[in-house]
PDB file of N, CA and C in Angstrom:
ATOM      1  N   MET A   1      58.527 -24.144 115.222  1.00  0.00           N
ATOM      2  CA  MET A   1      60.139 -22.806 114.987  1.00  0.00           C
ATOM      3  C   MET A   1      59.527 -22.149 113.380  1.00  0.00           C
ATOM      4  N   ILE A   2      60.582 -21.759 112.942  1.00  0.00           N
ATOM      5  CA  ILE A   2      59.558 -20.927 112.305  1.00  0.00           C
ATOM      6  C   ILE A   2      60.820 -20.505 111.283  1.00  0.00           C
ATOM      7  N   ARG A   3      60.407 -20.790 109.509  1.00  0.00           N
ATOM      8  CA  ARG A   3      60.975 -20.894 108.355  1.00  0.00           C
ATOM      9  C   ARG A   3      61.061 -19.860 108.019  1.00  0.00           C
ATOM     10  N   THR A   4      61.736 -20.072 107.516  1.00  0.00           N
ATOM     11  CA  THR A   4      62.702 -18.206 106.968  1.00  0.00           C
ATOM     12  C   THR A   4      62.771 -18.667 104.873  1.00  0.00           C
ATOM     13  N   VAL A   5      62.160 -17.851 104.914  1.00  0.00           N
ATOM     14  CA  VAL A   5      62.192 -17.777 103.023  1.00  0.00           C
ATOM     15  C   VAL A   5      63.277 -18.010 102.256  1.00  0.00           C
ATOM     16  N   SER A   6      63.672 -18.933 101.309  1.00  0.00           N
ATOM     17  CA  SER A   6      64.879 -19.322 101.005  1.00  0.00           C
ATOM     18  C   SER A   6      65.213 -17.953  99.846  1.00  0.00           C
ATOM     19  N   ASP A   7      66.294 -17.995  99.293  1.00  0.00           N
ATOM     20  CA  ASP A   7      66.730 -17.590  98.283  1.00  0.00           C
ATOM     21  C   ASP A   7      65.611 -18.452  96.814  1.00  0.00           C
ATOM     22  N   GLU A   8      66.241 -18.851  97.140  1.00  0.00           N
ATOM     23  CA  GLU A   8      64.995 -19.719  95.779  1.00  0.00           C
ATOM     24  C   GLU A   8      63.251 -19.029  95.732  1.00  0.00           C
ATOM     25  N   ASN A   9      63.197 -19.345  96.935  1.00  0.00           N
ATOM     26  CA  ASN A   9      61.539 -18.739  96.645  1.00  0.00           C
ATOM     27  C   ASN A   9      61.124 -18.170  96.803  1.00  0.00           C
ATOM     28  N   LEU A  10      62.026 -17.563  97.263  1.00  0.00           N
ATOM     29  CA  LEU A  10      61.838 -16.090  97.814  1.00  0.00           C
ATOM     30  C   LEU A  10      61.964 -15.109  96.291  1.00  0.00           C
ATOM     31  N   LEU A  11      62.683 -15.842  95.263  1.00  0.00           N
ATOM     32  CA  LEU A  11      62.584 -15.339  93.920  1.00  0.00           C
ATOM     33  C   LEU A  11      62.147 -15.594  92.823  1.00  0.00           C
ATOM     34  N   LYS A  12      60.905 -17.228  93.072  1.00  0.00           N
ATOM     35  CA  LYS A  12      59.879 -17.925  93.000  1.00  0.00           C
ATOM     36  C   LYS A  12      58.583 -16.729  93.123  1.00  0.00           C
ATOM     37  N   VAL A  13      58.601 -16.499  94.113  1.00  0.00           N
ATOM     38  CA  VAL A  13      57.430 -15.765  94.557  1.00  0.00           C
ATOM     39  C   VAL A  13      57.332 -13.897  93.414  1.00  0.00           C
ATOM     40  N   ILE A  14      58.827 -13.114  93.177  1.00  0.00           N
ATOM     41  CA  ILE A  14      58.703 -12.603  92.714  1.00  0.00           C
ATOM     42  C   ILE A  14      58.327 -13.035  91.463  1.00  0.00           C
ATOM     43  N   LEU A  15      59.240 -13.680  90.618  1.00  0.00           N
ATOM     44  CA  LEU A  15      58.634 -13.980  89.207  1.00  0.00           C
ATOM     45  C   LEU A  15      57.047 -14.250  89.482  1.00  0.00           C
ATOM     46  N   THR A  16      57.085 -14.951  90.461  1.00  0.00           N
ATOM     47  CA  THR A  16      55.189 -15.420  89.667  1.00  0.00           C
ATOM     48  C   THR A  16      54.474 -13.413  89.816  1.00  0.00           C
ATOM     49  N   ILE A  17      54.533 -12.618  90.731  1.00  0.00           N
ATOM     50  CA  ILE A  17      54.320 -11.455  91.159  1.00  0.00           C
ATOM     51  C   ILE A  17      54.344 -10.462  89.576  1.00  0.00           C
ATOM     52  N   LEU A  18      55.754 -10.661  89.116  1.00  0.00           N
ATOM     53  CA  LEU A  18      55.922 -10.100  88.142  1.00  0.00           C
ATOM     54  C   LEU A  18      55.113 -10.506  86.799  1.00  0.00           C
ATOM     55  N   PHE A  19      54.685 -12.088  86.205  1.00  0.00           N
ATOM     56  CA  PHE A  19      54.167 -12.168  85.591  1.00  0.00           C
ATOM     57  C   PHE A  19      52.536 -12.585  85.355  1.00  0.00           C
ATOM     58  N   LEU A  20      52.400 -12.165  86.434  1.00  0.00           N
ATOM     59  CA  LEU A  20      50.713 -11.975  86.640  1.00  0.00           C
ATOM     60  C   LEU A  20      50.843 -10.875  86.075  1.00  0.00           C
ATOM     61  N   GLY A  21      51.181  -9.622  87.107  1.00  0.00           N
ATOM     62  CA  GLY A  21      51.787  -8.605  86.394  1.00  0.00           C
ATOM     63  C   GLY A  21      51.260  -8.410  84.962  1.00  0.00           C
ATOM     64  N   CYS A  22      52.013  -8.898  84.235  1.00  0.00           N
ATOM     65  CA  CYS A  22      51.656  -8.832  82.786  1.00  0.00           C
ATOM     66  C   CYS A  22      50.692  -8.946  82.105  1.00  0.00           C
ATOM     67  N   LEU A  23      49.008  -9.553  83.037  1.00  0.00           N
ATOM     68  CA  LEU A  23      48.208 -10.184  82.441  1.00  0.00           C
ATOM     69  C   LEU A  23      47.034  -8.263  82.623  1.00  0.00           C
ATOM     70  N   LEU A  24      48.258  -6.950  83.147  1.00  0.00           N
ATOM     71  CA  LEU A  24      47.435  -6.417  83.234  1.00  0.00           C
ATOM     72  C   LEU A  24      47.264  -5.312  82.324  1.00  0.00           C
ATOM     73  N   ASP A  25      47.775  -4.161  81.585  1.00  0.00           N
ATOM     74  CA  ASP A  25      48.019  -3.724  80.314  1.00  0.00           C
ATOM     75  C   ASP A  25      49.249  -2.642  81.077  1.00  0.00           C
ATOM     76  N   TRP A  26      50.489  -2.500  80.922  1.00  0.00           N
ATOM     77  CA  TRP A  26      50.967  -2.184  81.271  1.00  0.00           C
ATOM     78  C   TRP A  26      51.881  -1.062  80.154  1.00  0.00           C
ATOM     79  N   ASP A  27      52.547  -0.243  80.040  1.00  0.00           N
ATOM     80  CA  ASP A  27      53.563   0.551  78.496  1.00  0.00           C
ATOM     81  C   ASP A  27      54.385  -0.523  79.004  1.00  0.00           C
ATOM     82  N   TYR A  28      54.565  -0.344  77.493  1.00  0.00           N
ATOM     83  CA  TYR A  28      55.796  -1.803  76.626  1.00  0.00           C
ATOM     84  C   TYR A  28      56.900  -2.091  77.730  1.00  0.00           C
ATOM     85  N   GLY A  29      57.404  -1.039  78.190  1.00  0.00           N
ATOM     86  CA  GLY A  29      58.746  -1.122  78.942  1.00  0.00           C
ATOM     87  C   GLY A  29      58.535  -2.146  80.177  1.00  0.00           C
ATOM     88  N   TYR A  30      57.851  -2.063  81.083  1.00  0.00           N
ATOM     89  CA  TYR A  30      57.120  -2.341  82.175  1.00  0.00           C
ATOM     90  C   TYR A  30      57.840  -4.304  81.394  1.00  0.00           C
ATOM     91  N   TYR A  31      56.922  -4.625  80.069  1.00  0.00           N
ATOM     92  CA  TYR A  31      57.381  -6.109  80.329  1.00  0.00           C
ATOM     93  C   TYR A  31      58.660  -6.580  79.044  1.00  0.00           C
ATOM     94  N   GLN A  32      59.166  -5.584  78.377  1.00  0.00           N
ATOM     95  CA  GLN A  32      60.492  -5.748  78.217  1.00  0.00           C
ATOM     96  C   GLN A  32      61.220  -5.891  79.848  1.00  0.00           C
ATOM     97  N   LEU A  33      60.715  -4.971  80.868  1.00  0.00           N
ATOM     98  CA  LEU A  33      61.640  -5.113  81.847  1.00  0.00           C
ATOM     99  C   LEU A  33      61.273  -7.106  82.810  1.00  0.00           C
ATOM    100  N   VAL A  34      59.916  -7.727  83.220  1.00  0.00           N
ATOM    101  CA  VAL A  34      60.140  -8.706  83.208  1.00  0.00           C
ATOM    102  C   VAL A  34      61.308  -9.551  81.955  1.00  0.00           C
ATOM    103  N   ARG A  35      60.756  -9.831  80.930  1.00  0.00           N
ATOM    104  CA  ARG A  35      61.544 -10.395  79.957  1.00  0.00           C
ATOM    105  C   ARG A  35      62.905 -10.033  80.324  1.00  0.00           C
ATOM    106  N   PHE A  36      63.568  -8.990  81.036  1.00  0.00           N
ATOM    107  CA  PHE A  36      65.414  -9.614  81.116  1.00  0.00           C
ATOM    108  C   PHE A  36      65.478  -9.802  82.686  1.00  0.00           C
ATOM    109  N   ILE A  37      64.430  -9.663  84.034  1.00  0.00           N
ATOM    110  CA  ILE A  37      64.191 -10.141  85.000  1.00  0.00           C
ATOM    111  C   ILE A  37      63.725 -11.124  85.330  1.00  0.00           C
ATOM    112  N   GLY A  38      63.269 -12.094  83.872  1.00  0.00           N
ATOM    113  CA  GLY A  38      62.883 -12.909  84.573  1.00  0.00           C
ATOM    114  C   GLY A  38      63.591 -13.710  83.567  1.00  0.00           C
ATOM    115  N   MET A  39      64.558 -13.573  82.303  1.00  0.00           N
ATOM    116  CA  MET A  39      65.397 -14.686  82.015  1.00  0.00           C
ATOM    117  C   MET A  39      66.591 -14.762  82.589  1.00  0.00           C
ATOM    118  N   ILE A  40      67.166 -13.480  83.344  1.00  0.00           N
ATOM    119  CA  ILE A  40      68.174 -13.460  84.632  1.00  0.00           C
ATOM    120  C   ILE A  40      67.339 -14.647  85.996  1.00  0.00           C
ATOM    121  N   GLY A  41      65.803 -14.503  86.964  1.00  0.00           N
ATOM    122  CA  GLY A  41      65.391 -15.509  87.317  1.00  0.00           C
ATOM    123  C   GLY A  41      65.847 -17.012  86.532  1.00  0.00           C
ATOM    124  N   PHE A  42      65.185 -17.325  86.075  1.00  0.00           N
ATOM    125  CA  PHE A  42      64.826 -18.858  85.019  1.00  0.00           C
ATOM    126  C   PHE A  42      66.354 -19.098  84.875  1.00  0.00           C
ATOM    127  N   ALA A  43      67.540 -18.144  84.684  1.00  0.00           N
ATOM    128  CA  ALA A  43      68.094 -18.614  85.261  1.00  0.00           C
ATOM    129  C   ALA A  43      69.073 -19.351  86.044  1.00  0.00           C
ATOM    130  N   MET A  44      68.564 -18.342  87.261  1.00  0.00           N
ATOM    131  CA  MET A  44      69.531 -18.730  88.384  1.00  0.00           C
ATOM    132  C   MET A  44      68.551 -19.491  88.638  1.00  0.00           C
ATOM    133  N   LEU A  45      67.359 -20.259  88.275  1.00  0.00           N
ATOM    134  CA  LEU A  45      66.572 -20.930  89.523  1.00  0.00           C
ATOM    135  C   LEU A  45      67.123 -22.158  88.347  1.00  0.00           C
ATOM    136  N   ALA A  46      67.405 -22.179  87.226  1.00  0.00           N
ATOM    137  CA  ALA A  46      68.129 -23.372  86.971  1.00  0.00           C
ATOM    138  C   ALA A  46      69.746 -23.675  87.659  1.00  0.00           C
ATOM    139  N   TYR A  47      70.115 -22.912  87.396  1.00  0.00           N
ATOM    140  CA  TYR A  47      71.349 -23.428  88.236  1.00  0.00           C
ATOM    141  C   TYR A  47      71.098 -23.530  89.591  1.00  0.00           C
ATOM    142  N   TYR A  48      70.487 -22.649  90.444  1.00  0.00           N
ATOM    143  CA  TYR A  48      70.103 -23.728  91.198  1.00  0.00           C
ATOM    144  C   TYR A  48      69.725 -25.351  91.698  1.00  0.00           C
ATOM    145  N   GLU A  49      68.676 -25.777  90.771  1.00  0.00           N
ATOM    146  CA  GLU A  49      68.657 -27.055  90.251  1.00  0.00           C
ATOM    147  C   GLU A  49      69.755 -28.059  90.019  1.00  0.00           C
ATOM    148  N   TYR A  50      70.741 -27.399  89.499  1.00  0.00           N
ATOM    149  CA  TYR A  50      71.808 -27.733  88.109  1.00  0.00           C
ATOM    150  C   TYR A  50      72.262 -28.807  89.353  1.00  0.00           C
ATOM    151  N   PRO A  51      72.734 -29.534  90.366  1.00  0.00           N
ATOM    152  CA  PRO A  51      72.896 -30.353  91.343  1.00  0.00           C
ATOM    153  C   PRO A  51      72.469 -31.308  91.680  1.00  0.00           C
ATOM    154  N   LYS A  52      70.511 -30.996  91.465  1.00  0.00           N
ATOM    155  CA  LYS A  52      70.117 -32.082  91.394  1.00  0.00           C
ATOM    156  C   LYS A  52      69.640 -32.637  89.998  1.00  0.00           C
ATOM    157  N   LYS A  53      69.549 -32.155  89.179  1.00  0.00           N
ATOM    158  CA  LYS A  53      70.511 -32.742  88.176  1.00  0.00           C
ATOM    159  C   LYS A  53      68.572 -32.989  87.731  1.00  0.00           C
ATOM    160  N   SER A  54      67.160 -32.378  88.009  1.00  0.00           N
ATOM    161  CA  SER A  54      66.108 -32.467  87.927  1.00  0.00           C
ATOM    162  C   SER A  54      64.749 -32.118  86.875  1.00  0.00           C
ATOM    163  N   ILE A  55      64.248 -32.522  86.730  1.00  0.00           N
ATOM    164  CA  ILE A  55      63.075 -32.107  85.733  1.00  0.00           C
ATOM    165  C   ILE A  55      63.619 -29.587  86.002  1.00  0.00           C
ATOM    166  N   TRP A  56      62.920 -29.799  86.264  1.00  0.00           N
ATOM    167  CA  TRP A  56      62.476 -28.366  87.110  1.00  0.00           C
ATOM    168  C   TRP A  56      63.816 -27.693  86.587  1.00  0.00           C
ATOM    169  N   MET A  57      65.097 -27.901  86.422  1.00  0.00           N
ATOM    170  CA  MET A  57      66.484 -27.731  85.606  1.00  0.00           C
ATOM    171  C   MET A  57      66.135 -26.889  84.595  1.00  0.00           C
ATOM    172  N   ILE A  58      65.428 -28.412  83.670  1.00  0.00           N
ATOM    173  CA  ILE A  58      65.206 -28.330  82.488  1.00  0.00           C
ATOM    174  C   ILE A  58      64.146 -27.089  81.814  1.00  0.00           C
ATOM    175  N   VAL A  59      62.964 -26.904  82.637  1.00  0.00           N
ATOM    176  CA  VAL A  59      61.500 -26.363  82.902  1.00  0.00           C
ATOM    177  C   VAL A  59      62.645 -25.112  82.862  1.00  0.00           C
ATOM    178  N   TRP A  60      63.535 -24.882  83.680  1.00  0.00           N
ATOM    179  CA  TRP A  60      63.224 -23.172  83.883  1.00  0.00           C
ATOM    180  C   TRP A  60      65.001 -23.114  82.430  1.00  0.00           C
ATOM    181  N   ILE A  61      65.800 -23.598  82.361  1.00  0.00           N
ATOM    182  CA  ILE A  61      66.315 -22.863  81.556  1.00  0.00           C
ATOM    183  C   ILE A  61      65.533 -23.190  80.014  1.00  0.00           C
ATOM    184  N   SER A  62      64.403 -23.776  80.059  1.00  0.00           N
ATOM    185  CA  SER A  62      63.717 -23.440  78.055  1.00  0.00           C
ATOM    186  C   SER A  62      63.203 -22.507  78.673  1.00  0.00           C
ATOM    187  N   SER A  63      62.439 -22.321  79.710  1.00  0.00           N
ATOM    188  CA  SER A  63      61.995 -20.118  80.326  1.00  0.00           C
ATOM    189  C   SER A  63      62.743 -19.496  80.123  1.00  0.00           C
ATOM    190  N   ALA A  64      63.878 -19.380  80.372  1.00  0.00           N
ATOM    191  CA  ALA A  64      64.316 -18.112  79.862  1.00  0.00           C
ATOM    192  C   ALA A  64      65.222 -18.419  78.621  1.00  0.00           C
ATOM    193  N   ILE A  65      64.786 -19.335  77.954  1.00  0.00           N
ATOM    194  CA  ILE A  65      65.500 -19.678  76.238  1.00  0.00           C
ATOM    195  C   ILE A  65      63.978 -18.161  75.830  1.00  0.00           C
ATOM    196  N   LEU A  66      62.420 -19.026  76.143  1.00  0.00           N
ATOM    197  CA  LEU A  66      61.469 -18.477  76.330  1.00  0.00           C
ATOM    198  C   LEU A  66      61.017 -17.039  76.180  1.00  0.00           C
ATOM    199  N   ILE A  67      62.084 -16.465  76.709  1.00  0.00           N
ATOM    200  CA  ILE A  67      61.303 -15.551  77.598  1.00  0.00           C
ATOM    201  C   ILE A  67      62.330 -14.083  77.411  1.00  0.00           C
ATOM    202  N   ASN A  68      64.160 -14.669  76.578  1.00  0.00           N
ATOM    203  CA  ASN A  68      64.951 -13.419  76.586  1.00  0.00           C
ATOM    204  C   ASN A  68      64.748 -12.627  75.652  1.00  0.00           C
ATOM    205  N   PRO A  69      65.445 -11.948  76.599  1.00  0.00           N
ATOM    206  CA  PRO A  69      65.503 -10.196  75.155  1.00  0.00           C
ATOM    207  C   PRO A  69      65.186  -9.998  74.353  1.00  0.00           C
ATOM    208  N   LEU A  70      66.320 -10.931  73.927  1.00  0.00           N
ATOM    209  CA  LEU A  70      67.826 -10.903  72.954  1.00  0.00           C
ATOM    210  C   LEU A  70      67.134 -11.389  71.593  1.00  0.00           C
ATOM    211  N   VAL A  71      66.247 -12.226  71.143  1.00  0.00           N
ATOM    212  CA  VAL A  71      65.462 -12.344  70.344  1.00  0.00           C
ATOM    213  C   VAL A  71      64.590 -13.043  70.740  1.00  0.00           C
ATOM    214  N   LYS A  72      63.516 -12.260  70.931  1.00  0.00           N
ATOM    215  CA  LYS A  72      62.116 -12.436  70.983  1.00  0.00           C
ATOM    216  C   LYS A  72      61.410 -13.070  69.988  1.00  0.00           C
ATOM    217  N   ILE A  73      60.719 -13.511  70.712  1.00  0.00           N
ATOM    218  CA  ILE A  73      60.250 -14.912  70.191  1.00  0.00           C
ATOM    219  C   ILE A  73      58.375 -13.607  70.532  1.00  0.00           C
ATOM    220  N   SER A  74      57.714 -14.616  69.016  1.00  0.00           N
ATOM    221  CA  SER A  74      56.286 -13.108  69.017  1.00  0.00           C
ATOM    222  C   SER A  74      55.528 -14.160  68.489  1.00  0.00           C
ATOM    223  N   LEU A  75      54.481 -13.777  69.985  1.00  0.00           N
ATOM    224  CA  LEU A  75      54.067 -15.157  70.419  1.00  0.00           C
ATOM    225  C   LEU A  75      52.371 -14.574  70.687  1.00  0.00           C
ATOM    226  N   GLY A  76      51.904 -12.660  70.543  1.00  0.00           N
ATOM    227  CA  GLY A  76      50.727 -12.136  70.508  1.00  0.00           C
ATOM    228  C   GLY A  76      50.242 -12.490  72.145  1.00  0.00           C
ATOM    229  N   ARG A  77      49.461 -10.993  72.480  1.00  0.00           N
ATOM    230  CA  ARG A  77      48.778 -10.673  73.429  1.00  0.00           C
ATOM    231  C   ARG A  77      48.698 -12.468  74.458  1.00  0.00           C
ATOM    232  N   THR A  78      47.830 -12.645  73.650  1.00  0.00           N
ATOM    233  CA  THR A  78      46.867 -14.003  74.494  1.00  0.00           C
ATOM    234  C   THR A  78      47.664 -14.812  74.881  1.00  0.00           C
ATOM    235  N   ILE A  79      48.301 -15.549  74.260  1.00  0.00           N
ATOM    236  CA  ILE A  79      49.374 -16.584  74.276  1.00  0.00           C
ATOM    237  C   ILE A  79      50.245 -16.451  75.560  1.00  0.00           C
ATOM    238  N   TRP A  80      50.515 -14.662  75.744  1.00  0.00           N
ATOM    239  CA  TRP A  80      52.001 -14.835  76.521  1.00  0.00           C
ATOM    240  C   TRP A  80      51.300 -14.541  77.460  1.00  0.00           C
ATOM    241  N   ASN A  81      49.695 -13.715  77.840  1.00  0.00           N
ATOM    242  CA  ASN A  81      49.217 -13.978  78.723  1.00  0.00           C
ATOM    243  C   ASN A  81      48.434 -16.189  79.526  1.00  0.00           C
ATOM    244  N   ILE A  82      48.695 -16.364  78.151  1.00  0.00           N
ATOM    245  CA  ILE A  82      48.769 -18.169  79.393  1.00  0.00           C
ATOM    246  C   ILE A  82      49.837 -19.134  79.007  1.00  0.00           C
ATOM    247  N   VAL A  83      51.062 -18.176  78.588  1.00  0.00           N
ATOM    248  CA  VAL A  83      52.240 -18.114  79.424  1.00  0.00           C
ATOM    249  C   VAL A  83      52.492 -18.124  80.551  1.00  0.00           C
ATOM    250  N   ASP A  84      51.743 -16.817  81.097  1.00  0.00           N
ATOM    251  CA  ASP A  84      52.588 -15.888  82.540  1.00  0.00           C
ATOM    252  C   ASP A  84      51.566 -16.490  83.508  1.00  0.00           C
ATOM    253  N   VAL A  85      50.232 -17.338  82.480  1.00  0.00           N
ATOM    254  CA  VAL A  85      49.888 -17.292  83.650  1.00  0.00           C
ATOM    255  C   VAL A  85      50.413 -19.367  84.073  1.00  0.00           C
ATOM    256  N   VAL A  86      50.375 -19.418  83.788  1.00  0.00           N
ATOM    257  CA  VAL A  86      51.467 -21.345  82.881  1.00  0.00           C
ATOM    258  C   VAL A  86      52.854 -21.172  84.788  1.00  0.00           C
ATOM    259  N   TRP A  87      53.547 -19.944  84.280  1.00  0.00           N
ATOM    260  CA  TRP A  87      54.224 -19.719  84.257  1.00  0.00           C
ATOM    261  C   TRP A  87      54.222 -19.250  86.157  1.00  0.00           C
ATOM    262  N   ALA A  88      53.156 -18.564  86.274  1.00  0.00           N
ATOM    263  CA  ALA A  88      53.014 -18.761  87.620  1.00  0.00           C
ATOM    264  C   ALA A  88      52.111 -19.645  88.422  1.00  0.00           C
ATOM    265  N   VAL A  89      51.816 -20.172  87.910  1.00  0.00           N
ATOM    266  CA  VAL A  89      51.075 -21.749  88.308  1.00  0.00           C
ATOM    267  C   VAL A  89      52.806 -22.450  88.710  1.00  0.00           C
ATOM    268  N   LEU A  90      53.001 -22.697  87.447  1.00  0.00           N
ATOM    269  CA  LEU A  90      54.639 -23.746  88.374  1.00  0.00           C
ATOM    270  C   LEU A  90      55.485 -23.628  88.920  1.00  0.00           C
ATOM    271  N   LEU A  91      56.189 -22.073  88.788  1.00  0.00           N
ATOM    272  CA  LEU A  91      56.916 -21.200  89.767  1.00  0.00           C
ATOM    273  C   LEU A  91      55.629 -21.878  90.988  1.00  0.00           C
ATOM    274  N   ILE A  92      54.824 -21.364  92.072  1.00  0.00           N
ATOM    275  CA  ILE A  92      53.729 -21.983  93.220  1.00  0.00           C
ATOM    276  C   ILE A  92      54.567 -23.053  93.198  1.00  0.00           C
ATOM    277  N   GLY A  93      53.651 -23.996  92.013  1.00  0.00           N
ATOM    278  CA  GLY A  93      53.734 -25.775  92.506  1.00  0.00           C
ATOM    279  C   GLY A  93      55.429 -26.027  93.106  1.00  0.00           C
ATOM    280  N   SER A  94      55.985 -25.591  92.173  1.00  0.00           N
ATOM    281  CA  SER A  94      57.500 -25.919  92.358  1.00  0.00           C
ATOM    282  C   SER A  94      57.623 -25.859  94.041  1.00  0.00           C
ATOM    283  N   ILE A  95      57.557 -24.889  94.295  1.00  0.00           N
ATOM    284  CA  ILE A  95      57.667 -24.356  95.668  1.00  0.00           C
ATOM    285  C   ILE A  95      57.043 -25.161  96.698  1.00  0.00           C
ATOM    286  N   PHE A  96      55.779 -25.751  96.438  1.00  0.00           N
ATOM    287  CA  PHE A  96      55.248 -26.531  97.332  1.00  0.00           C
ATOM    288  C   PHE A  96      55.942 -28.189  97.172  1.00  0.00           C
ATOM    289  N   SER A  97      55.630 -28.246  95.563  1.00  0.00           N
ATOM    290  CA  SER A  97      56.408 -29.871  96.093  1.00  0.00           C
ATOM    291  C   SER A  97      57.642 -30.050  95.830  1.00  0.00           C
ATOM    292  N   LYS A  98      58.259 -29.005  96.371  1.00  0.00           N
ATOM    293  CA  LYS A  98      59.111 -29.042  97.418  1.00  0.00           C
ATOM    294  C   LYS A  98      59.508 -29.067  98.741  1.00  0.00           C
ATOM    295  N   THR A  99      58.631 -27.838  99.191  1.00  0.00           N
ATOM    296  CA  THR A  99      58.103 -28.114 100.455  1.00  0.00           C
ATOM    297  C   THR A  99      57.749 -29.447 101.005  1.00  0.00           C
ATOM    298  N   ASN A 100      57.307 -30.186 100.421  1.00  0.00           N
ATOM    299  CA  ASN A 100      55.989 -31.523 100.642  1.00  0.00           C
ATOM    300  C   ASN A 100      57.584 -32.791 100.674  1.00  0.00           C
ATOM    301  N   HIS A 101      58.456 -32.093  99.573  1.00  0.00           N
ATOM    302  CA  HIS A 101      59.621 -33.649  99.448  1.00  0.00           C
ATOM    303  C   HIS A 101      60.685 -33.236 100.615  1.00  0.00           C
ATOM    304  N   GLU A 102      60.862 -31.802 100.838  1.00  0.00           N
ATOM    305  CA  GLU A 102      61.317 -31.816 101.795  1.00  0.00           C
ATOM    306  C   GLU A 102      61.395 -32.015 103.535  1.00  0.00           C
ATOM    307  N   HIS A 103      59.560 -31.790 103.601  1.00  0.00           N
ATOM    308  CA  HIS A 103      58.922 -32.561 104.595  1.00  0.00           C
ATOM    309  C   HIS A 103      58.771 -34.098 104.620  1.00  0.00           C
ATOM    310  N   LYS A 104      58.532 -34.496 103.602  1.00  0.00           N
ATOM    311  CA  LYS A 104      59.049 -36.154 104.076  1.00  0.00           C
ATOM    312  C   LYS A 104      59.895 -36.830 103.582  1.00  0.00           C
ATOM    313  N   SER A 105      61.086 -35.824 103.665  1.00  0.00           N
ATOM    314  CA  SER A 105      62.718 -36.661 103.699  1.00  0.00           C
ATOM    315  C   SER A 105      63.023 -36.591 104.570  1.00  0.00           C
ATOM    316  N   LYS A 106      62.212 -35.537 106.424  1.00  0.00           N
ATOM    317  CA  LYS A 106      62.886 -35.049 107.306  1.00  0.00           C
ATOM    318  C   LYS A 106      61.698 -36.106 108.234  1.00  0.00           C
ATOM    319  N   GLU A 107      60.566 -36.404 108.436  1.00  0.00           N
ATOM    320  CA  GLU A 107      59.743 -37.681 108.335  1.00  0.00           C
ATOM    321  C   GLU A 107      60.849 -39.028 108.385  1.00  0.00           C
ATOM    322  N   ASP A 108      61.656 -39.431 107.720  1.00  0.00           N
ATOM    323  CA  ASP A 108      61.938 -40.374 106.963  1.00  0.00           C
ATOM    324  C   ASP A 108      63.122 -40.342 107.750  1.00  0.00           C
ATOM    325  N   GLU A 109      63.606 -39.287 107.584  1.00  0.00           N
ATOM    326  CA  GLU A 109      64.826 -39.602 109.334  1.00  0.00           C
ATOM    327  C   GLU A 109      65.024 -40.358 110.833  1.00  0.00           C
ATOM    328  N   TYR A 110      63.292 -40.085 110.800  1.00  0.00           N
ATOM    329  CA  TYR A 110      62.121 -40.423 112.160  1.00  0.00           C
ATOM    330  C   TYR A 110      61.997 -41.932 112.361  1.00  0.00           C
TER     331      TYR A 110
END
């Protein structure tokens, strides 16, 4: 059976690519765009997690607050690069943790 990528997983992959792109040297406008898209993306991920009341909801809300472009938190380039990598790892890790969880749930049904 071919599995299609869900909207949630696609959003996580897009955010991961954007955050890893922040490790390169871009114009300031790119980072502003990433902050805006990141805030919206994390808010959407928190919304997706709301019915489940999982810890991921808190992680995504905290991330949306940290990256928001309205009230900027100045951490310095090195710290932001570390945060970008941590977010990339969390986003990809959440895809695999949910995939494994869904796979085990289907096995339990049999």
